[in-house]
PDB file of N, CA and C in Angstrom:
ATOM      1  N   MET A   1       1.025  -1.389   0.218  1.00  0.00           N
ATOM      2  CA  MET A   1       0.235  -0.235  -0.131  1.00  0.00           C
ATOM      3  C   MET A   1       0.994   1.237   0.057  1.00  0.00           C
ATOM      4  N   ASN A   2       1.766   1.074   0.711  1.00  0.00           N
ATOM      5  CA  ASN A   2       2.888   2.419   0.776  1.00  0.00           C
ATOM      6  C   ASN A   2       3.727   3.058  -0.579  1.00  0.00           C
ATOM      7  N   GLN A   3       3.964   1.655  -1.324  1.00  0.00           N
ATOM      8  CA  GLN A   3       4.644   1.758  -2.740  1.00  0.00           C
ATOM      9  C   GLN A   3       3.535   2.253  -3.378  1.00  0.00           C
ATOM     10  N   ILE A   4       2.219   2.117  -3.319  1.00  0.00           N
ATOM     11  CA  ILE A   4       1.265   3.121  -4.406  1.00  0.00           C
ATOM     12  C   ILE A   4       1.061   4.160  -4.161  1.00  0.00           C
ATOM     13  N   ILE A   5       1.101   4.650  -3.007  1.00  0.00           N
ATOM     14  CA  ILE A   5       1.235   6.147  -2.521  1.00  0.00           C
ATOM     15  C   ILE A   5       2.491   6.496  -2.715  1.00  0.00           C
ATOM     16  N   GLU A   6       3.233   6.139  -2.518  1.00  0.00           N
ATOM     17  CA  GLU A   6       4.732   6.521  -2.875  1.00  0.00           C
ATOM     18  C   GLU A   6       4.552   6.869  -4.521  1.00  0.00           C
ATOM     19  N   ASN A   7       4.290   5.886  -5.134  1.00  0.00           N
ATOM     20  CA  ASN A   7       4.232   6.339  -6.825  1.00  0.00           C
ATOM     21  C   ASN A   7       3.062   7.225  -7.274  1.00  0.00           C
ATOM     22  N   LEU A   8       1.967   7.327  -6.640  1.00  0.00           N
ATOM     23  CA  LEU A   8       0.995   8.335  -6.772  1.00  0.00           C
ATOM     24  C   LEU A   8       1.780   9.588  -6.542  1.00  0.00           C
ATOM     25  N   GLU A   9       2.414  10.032  -5.383  1.00  0.00           N
ATOM     26  CA  GLU A   9       3.036  10.993  -5.065  1.00  0.00           C
ATOM     27  C   GLU A   9       4.071  11.540  -5.725  1.00  0.00           C
ATOM     28  N   ILE A  10       4.886  10.502  -6.450  1.00  0.00           N
ATOM     29  CA  ILE A  10       5.966  11.068  -7.501  1.00  0.00           C
ATOM     30  C   ILE A  10       5.281  11.339  -8.977  1.00  0.00           C
ATOM     31  N   VAL A  11       4.126  10.668  -9.516  1.00  0.00           N
ATOM     32  CA  VAL A  11       3.604  11.268 -10.454  1.00  0.00           C
ATOM     33  C   VAL A  11       3.228  12.368 -10.467  1.00  0.00           C
ATOM     34  N   ARG A  12       2.409  12.740  -9.168  1.00  0.00           N
ATOM     35  CA  ARG A  12       1.618  14.198  -8.750  1.00  0.00           C
ATOM     36  C   ARG A  12       3.062  15.196  -8.863  1.00  0.00           C
ATOM     37  N   ILE A  13       4.037  14.571  -8.487  1.00  0.00           N
ATOM     38  CA  ILE A  13       5.171  16.287  -8.146  1.00  0.00           C
ATOM     39  C   ILE A  13       5.933  16.435  -9.723  1.00  0.00           C
ATOM     40  N   LYS A  14       5.813  15.066 -10.787  1.00  0.00           N
ATOM     41  CA  LYS A  14       6.330  15.073 -12.090  1.00  0.00           C
ATOM     42  C   LYS A  14       5.194  15.964 -12.748  1.00  0.00           C
ATOM     43  N   LYS A  15       3.814  15.901 -12.339  1.00  0.00           N
ATOM     44  CA  LYS A  15       2.778  16.724 -12.976  1.00  0.00           C
ATOM     45  C   LYS A  15       2.994  17.951 -12.863  1.00  0.00           C
ATOM     46  N   GLN A  16       3.324  18.544 -11.737  1.00  0.00           N
ATOM     47  CA  GLN A  16       3.582  19.926 -11.186  1.00  0.00           C
ATOM     48  C   GLN A  16       4.913  20.411 -11.960  1.00  0.00           C
ATOM     49  N   LYS A  17       5.700  19.757 -11.846  1.00  0.00           N
ATOM     50  CA  LYS A  17       7.355  20.115 -12.429  1.00  0.00           C
ATOM     51  C   LYS A  17       6.867  20.491 -13.894  1.00  0.00           C
ATOM     52  N   LYS A  18       6.089  19.714 -14.692  1.00  0.00           N
ATOM     53  CA  LYS A  18       5.544  19.771 -16.097  1.00  0.00           C
ATOM     54  C   LYS A  18       4.905  21.126 -16.262  1.00  0.00           C
ATOM     55  N   ARG A  19       3.552  21.319 -14.954  1.00  0.00           N
ATOM     56  CA  ARG A  19       3.007  22.245 -15.679  1.00  0.00           C
ATOM     57  C   ARG A  19       3.440  23.399 -15.178  1.00  0.00           C
ATOM     58  N   LYS A  20       4.697  23.715 -14.284  1.00  0.00           N
ATOM     59  CA  LYS A  20       5.204  24.877 -13.641  1.00  0.00           C
ATOM     60  C   LYS A  20       6.205  25.328 -15.092  1.00  0.00           C
ATOM     61  N   LEU A  21       6.898  24.256 -15.867  1.00  0.00           N
ATOM     62  CA  LEU A  21       7.539  24.398 -16.995  1.00  0.00           C
ATOM     63  C   LEU A  21       6.728  25.325 -18.211  1.00  0.00           C
ATOM     64  N   ILE A  22       5.343  24.642 -17.940  1.00  0.00           N
ATOM     65  CA  ILE A  22       4.429  25.013 -19.303  1.00  0.00           C
ATOM     66  C   ILE A  22       3.860  26.508 -18.714  1.00  0.00           C
ATOM     67  N   ASN A  23       3.788  26.657 -17.582  1.00  0.00           N
ATOM     68  CA  ASN A  23       3.272  28.253 -16.985  1.00  0.00           C
ATOM     69  C   ASN A  23       4.224  29.162 -17.198  1.00  0.00           C
ATOM     70  N   THR A  24       5.736  28.602 -16.754  1.00  0.00           N
ATOM     71  CA  THR A  24       6.801  29.627 -17.540  1.00  0.00           C
ATOM     72  C   THR A  24       7.057  29.888 -18.711  1.00  0.00           C
ATOM     73  N   ILE A  25       6.967  28.976 -19.663  1.00  0.00           N
ATOM     74  CA  ILE A  25       6.367  29.277 -21.267  1.00  0.00           C
ATOM     75  C   ILE A  25       5.391  29.916 -21.631  1.00  0.00           C
ATOM     76  N   GLU A  26       4.398  29.939 -21.012  1.00  0.00           N
ATOM     77  CA  GLU A  26       3.388  30.835 -21.464  1.00  0.00           C
ATOM     78  C   GLU A  26       3.925  32.538 -21.055  1.00  0.00           C
ATOM     79  N   LEU A  27       4.263  32.753 -19.764  1.00  0.00           N
ATOM     80  CA  LEU A  27       4.701  33.718 -19.505  1.00  0.00           C
ATOM     81  C   LEU A  27       5.751  34.449 -20.229  1.00  0.00           C
ATOM     82  N   VAL A  28       6.731  33.492 -20.733  1.00  0.00           N
ATOM     83  CA  VAL A  28       7.738  34.243 -21.711  1.00  0.00           C
ATOM     84  C   VAL A  28       7.038  34.199 -23.071  1.00  0.00           C
ATOM     85  N   GLY A  29       5.825  33.931 -23.473  1.00  0.00           N
ATOM     86  CA  GLY A  29       4.920  34.030 -24.815  1.00  0.00           C
ATOM     87  C   GLY A  29       4.688  35.375 -24.293  1.00  0.00           C
ATOM     88  N   LEU A  30       4.067  35.666 -23.312  1.00  0.00           N
ATOM     89  CA  LEU A  30       3.471  37.028 -22.987  1.00  0.00           C
ATOM     90  C   LEU A  30       4.318  38.165 -23.039  1.00  0.00           C
ATOM     91  N   GLY A  31       5.377  37.782 -22.411  1.00  0.00           N
ATOM     92  CA  GLY A  31       6.440  38.689 -22.812  1.00  0.00           C
ATOM     93  C   GLY A  31       6.854  39.418 -23.645  1.00  0.00           C
ATOM     94  N   ILE A  32       6.874  38.175 -24.654  1.00  0.00           N
ATOM     95  CA  ILE A  32       7.283  38.574 -26.243  1.00  0.00           C
ATOM     96  C   ILE A  32       6.193  39.538 -26.675  1.00  0.00           C
ATOM     97  N   MET A  33       4.962  38.781 -26.457  1.00  0.00           N
ATOM     98  CA  MET A  33       3.802  39.916 -27.065  1.00  0.00           C
ATOM     99  C   MET A  33       3.933  41.588 -26.603  1.00  0.00           C
ATOM    100  N   LEU A  34       4.088  41.496 -25.224  1.00  0.00           N
ATOM    101  CA  LEU A  34       4.298  42.688 -24.625  1.00  0.00           C
ATOM    102  C   LEU A  34       5.060  43.471 -25.407  1.00  0.00           C
ATOM    103  N   PHE A  35       6.626  42.718 -25.862  1.00  0.00           N
ATOM    104  CA  PHE A  35       7.638  43.743 -26.444  1.00  0.00           C
ATOM    105  C   PHE A  35       6.709  43.908 -28.015  1.00  0.00           C
ATOM    106  N   GLY A  36       6.340  42.850 -28.468  1.00  0.00           N
ATOM    107  CA  GLY A  36       5.977  43.550 -29.944  1.00  0.00           C
ATOM    108  C   GLY A  36       5.028  44.605 -29.684  1.00  0.00           C
ATOM    109  N   VAL A  37       4.231  44.654 -28.907  1.00  0.00           N
ATOM    110  CA  VAL A  37       3.494  45.664 -28.545  1.00  0.00           C
ATOM    111  C   VAL A  37       4.029  47.386 -28.767  1.00  0.00           C
ATOM    112  N   VAL A  38       4.857  46.997 -27.785  1.00  0.00           N
ATOM    113  CA  VAL A  38       5.866  48.261 -27.430  1.00  0.00           C
ATOM    114  C   VAL A  38       6.858  48.673 -28.674  1.00  0.00           C
ATOM    115  N   PHE A  39       7.156  47.502 -29.556  1.00  0.00           N
ATOM    116  CA  PHE A  39       7.874  48.058 -30.677  1.00  0.00           C
ATOM    117  C   PHE A  39       6.830  48.443 -32.096  1.00  0.00           C
ATOM    118  N   LEU A  40       5.503  48.160 -31.867  1.00  0.00           N
ATOM    119  CA  LEU A  40       4.539  48.293 -32.810  1.00  0.00           C
ATOM    120  C   LEU A  40       4.205  50.098 -32.195  1.00  0.00           C
ATOM    121  N   PHE A  41       4.107  50.533 -31.082  1.00  0.00           N
ATOM    122  CA  PHE A  41       3.986  51.887 -30.737  1.00  0.00           C
ATOM    123  C   PHE A  41       5.104  52.858 -30.838  1.00  0.00           C
ATOM    124  N   GLN A  42       6.148  52.574 -30.241  1.00  0.00           N
ATOM    125  CA  GLN A  42       7.436  53.225 -30.140  1.00  0.00           C
ATOM    126  C   GLN A  42       7.687  54.229 -31.778  1.00  0.00           C
ATOM    127  N   PRO A  43       7.933  55.787 -30.963  1.00  0.00           N
ATOM    128  CA  PRO A  43       8.130  56.722 -32.491  1.00  0.00           C
ATOM    129  C   PRO A  43       9.189  56.838 -33.140  1.00  0.00           C
ATOM    130  N   PHE A  44      10.450  56.002 -32.342  1.00  0.00           N
ATOM    131  CA  PHE A  44      11.702  56.693 -32.719  1.00  0.00           C
ATOM    132  C   PHE A  44      12.473  55.646 -34.026  1.00  0.00           C
ATOM    133  N   HIS A  45      12.240  54.685 -34.539  1.00  0.00           N
ATOM    134  CA  HIS A  45      12.813  53.947 -35.358  1.00  0.00           C
ATOM    135  C   HIS A  45      12.151  53.230 -36.163  1.00  0.00           C
ATOM    136  N   ILE A  46      11.988  53.385 -37.919  1.00  0.00           N
ATOM    137  CA  ILE A  46      11.089  52.312 -38.361  1.00  0.00           C
ATOM    138  C   ILE A  46      11.380  50.982 -38.317  1.00  0.00           C
ATOM    139  N   LYS A  47      12.633  50.362 -38.317  1.00  0.00           N
ATOM    140  CA  LYS A  47      13.307  49.196 -38.539  1.00  0.00           C
ATOM    141  C   LYS A  47      12.740  48.537 -37.070  1.00  0.00           C
ATOM    142  N   ILE A  48      12.868  49.095 -35.690  1.00  0.00           N
ATOM    143  CA  ILE A  48      12.067  48.333 -34.593  1.00  0.00           C
ATOM    144  C   ILE A  48      10.420  48.075 -35.031  1.00  0.00           C
ATOM    145  N   PHE A  49       9.897  49.546 -35.697  1.00  0.00           N
ATOM    146  CA  PHE A  49       8.503  49.088 -36.071  1.00  0.00           C
ATOM    147  C   PHE A  49       7.968  48.077 -36.853  1.00  0.00           C
ATOM    148  N   THR A  50       8.896  47.858 -37.978  1.00  0.00           N
ATOM    149  CA  THR A  50       8.954  46.739 -38.726  1.00  0.00           C
ATOM    150  C   THR A  50       9.308  45.473 -37.984  1.00  0.00           C
ATOM    151  N   TRP A  51       9.694  45.063 -37.052  1.00  0.00           N
ATOM    152  CA  TRP A  51       9.808  44.155 -36.254  1.00  0.00           C
ATOM    153  C   TRP A  51       8.771  44.160 -35.480  1.00  0.00           C
ATOM    154  N   GLY A  52       7.983  45.062 -34.994  1.00  0.00           N
ATOM    155  CA  GLY A  52       7.048  44.856 -34.075  1.00  0.00           C
ATOM    156  C   GLY A  52       5.871  43.785 -34.252  1.00  0.00           C
ATOM    157  N   PHE A  53       5.127  43.609 -35.328  1.00  0.00           N
ATOM    158  CA  PHE A  53       4.376  42.314 -35.760  1.00  0.00           C
ATOM    159  C   PHE A  53       4.607  41.555 -36.027  1.00  0.00           C
ATOM    160  N   PRO A  54       5.811  41.101 -36.301  1.00  0.00           N
ATOM    161  CA  PRO A  54       6.484  39.583 -35.879  1.00  0.00           C
ATOM    162  C   PRO A  54       6.633  38.885 -34.907  1.00  0.00           C
ATOM    163  N   VAL A  55       7.293  39.778 -34.388  1.00  0.00           N
ATOM    164  CA  VAL A  55       7.288  39.663 -32.683  1.00  0.00           C
ATOM    165  C   VAL A  55       5.965  39.288 -31.919  1.00  0.00           C
ATOM    166  N   LEU A  56       5.463  40.107 -32.172  1.00  0.00           N
ATOM    167  CA  LEU A  56       3.697  40.140 -32.001  1.00  0.00           C
ATOM    168  C   LEU A  56       3.207  38.924 -31.974  1.00  0.00           C
ATOM    169  N   LEU A  57       3.707  38.487 -33.080  1.00  0.00           N
ATOM    170  CA  LEU A  57       3.058  37.280 -33.410  1.00  0.00           C
ATOM    171  C   LEU A  57       3.660  35.983 -33.316  1.00  0.00           C
ATOM    172  N   ILE A  58       4.853  35.980 -33.126  1.00  0.00           N
ATOM    173  CA  ILE A  58       5.867  34.931 -32.081  1.00  0.00           C
ATOM    174  C   ILE A  58       5.049  34.810 -30.879  1.00  0.00           C
ATOM    175  N   GLY A  59       5.184  35.786 -30.198  1.00  0.00           N
ATOM    176  CA  GLY A  59       4.665  35.803 -28.810  1.00  0.00           C
ATOM    177  C   GLY A  59       2.887  35.259 -28.279  1.00  0.00           C
ATOM    178  N   TYR A  60       2.215  35.346 -29.548  1.00  0.00           N
ATOM    179  CA  TYR A  60       1.093  35.188 -29.455  1.00  0.00           C
ATOM    180  C   TYR A  60       0.792  33.834 -29.829  1.00  0.00           C
ATOM    181  N   THR A  61       1.518  33.061 -30.846  1.00  0.00           N
ATOM    182  CA  THR A  61       1.796  31.726 -31.166  1.00  0.00           C
ATOM    183  C   THR A  61       2.188  30.845 -29.944  1.00  0.00           C
ATOM    184  N   VAL A  62       3.468  31.399 -29.212  1.00  0.00           N
ATOM    185  CA  VAL A  62       3.716  30.739 -28.091  1.00  0.00           C
ATOM    186  C   VAL A  62       2.526  30.690 -26.791  1.00  0.00           C
ATOM    187  N   TYR A  63       2.073  31.761 -26.658  1.00  0.00           N
ATOM    188  CA  TYR A  63       1.016  31.882 -25.609  1.00  0.00           C
ATOM    189  C   TYR A  63      -0.018  30.864 -26.136  1.00  0.00           C
ATOM    190  N   ASN A  64      -0.704  31.224 -27.380  1.00  0.00           N
ATOM    191  CA  ASN A  64      -1.781  30.271 -27.582  1.00  0.00           C
ATOM    192  C   ASN A  64      -1.756  28.546 -27.649  1.00  0.00           C
ATOM    193  N   ILE A  65      -0.568  28.264 -28.099  1.00  0.00           N
ATOM    194  CA  ILE A  65      -0.222  26.904 -28.335  1.00  0.00           C
ATOM    195  C   ILE A  65       0.206  26.591 -26.404  1.00  0.00           C
ATOM    196  N   PHE A  66       0.779  27.225 -25.394  1.00  0.00           N
ATOM    197  CA  PHE A  66       1.095  26.581 -24.685  1.00  0.00           C
ATOM    198  C   PHE A  66      -0.363  26.775 -23.718  1.00  0.00           C
ATOM    199  N   GLY A  67      -0.973  27.912 -23.835  1.00  0.00           N
ATOM    200  CA  GLY A  67      -2.121  27.954 -23.077  1.00  0.00           C
ATOM    201  C   GLY A  67      -3.287  26.742 -23.379  1.00  0.00           C
ATOM    202  N   HIS A  68      -3.203  26.177 -24.489  1.00  0.00           N
ATOM    203  CA  HIS A  68      -4.319  25.097 -24.907  1.00  0.00           C
ATOM    204  C   HIS A  68      -3.736  23.826 -24.273  1.00  0.00           C
ATOM    205  N   ILE A  69      -2.529  23.678 -23.726  1.00  0.00           N
ATOM    206  CA  ILE A  69      -2.133  22.090 -23.102  1.00  0.00           C
ATOM    207  C   ILE A  69      -3.060  22.094 -21.461  1.00  0.00           C
ATOM    208  N   PRO A  70      -3.592  20.945 -21.732  1.00  0.00           N
ATOM    209  CA  PRO A  70      -4.511  20.525 -20.451  1.00  0.00           C
ATOM    210  C   PRO A  70      -3.916  20.517 -19.113  1.00  0.00           C
ATOM    211  N   ARG A  71      -4.388  21.179 -18.039  1.00  0.00           N
ATOM    212  CA  ARG A  71      -3.762  21.275 -16.857  1.00  0.00           C
ATOM    213  C   ARG A  71      -3.732  19.974 -16.165  1.00  0.00           C
TER     214      ARG A  71
END
């Protein structure tokens, strides 16, 4: 009986670590989106402006993919 409980606890800990990684990647995607929006709204350099939408799109894609992984 103790062995079963220990195995279940190990599985639960592994799932928590996996979910923690997924949450971290979601936050990174959110940060990338934020940089993309800042790049789009800055008035200084056209080169940074042209990179704004691709950066925003990459961040959105990362956030959307990892946001749909079941918890």
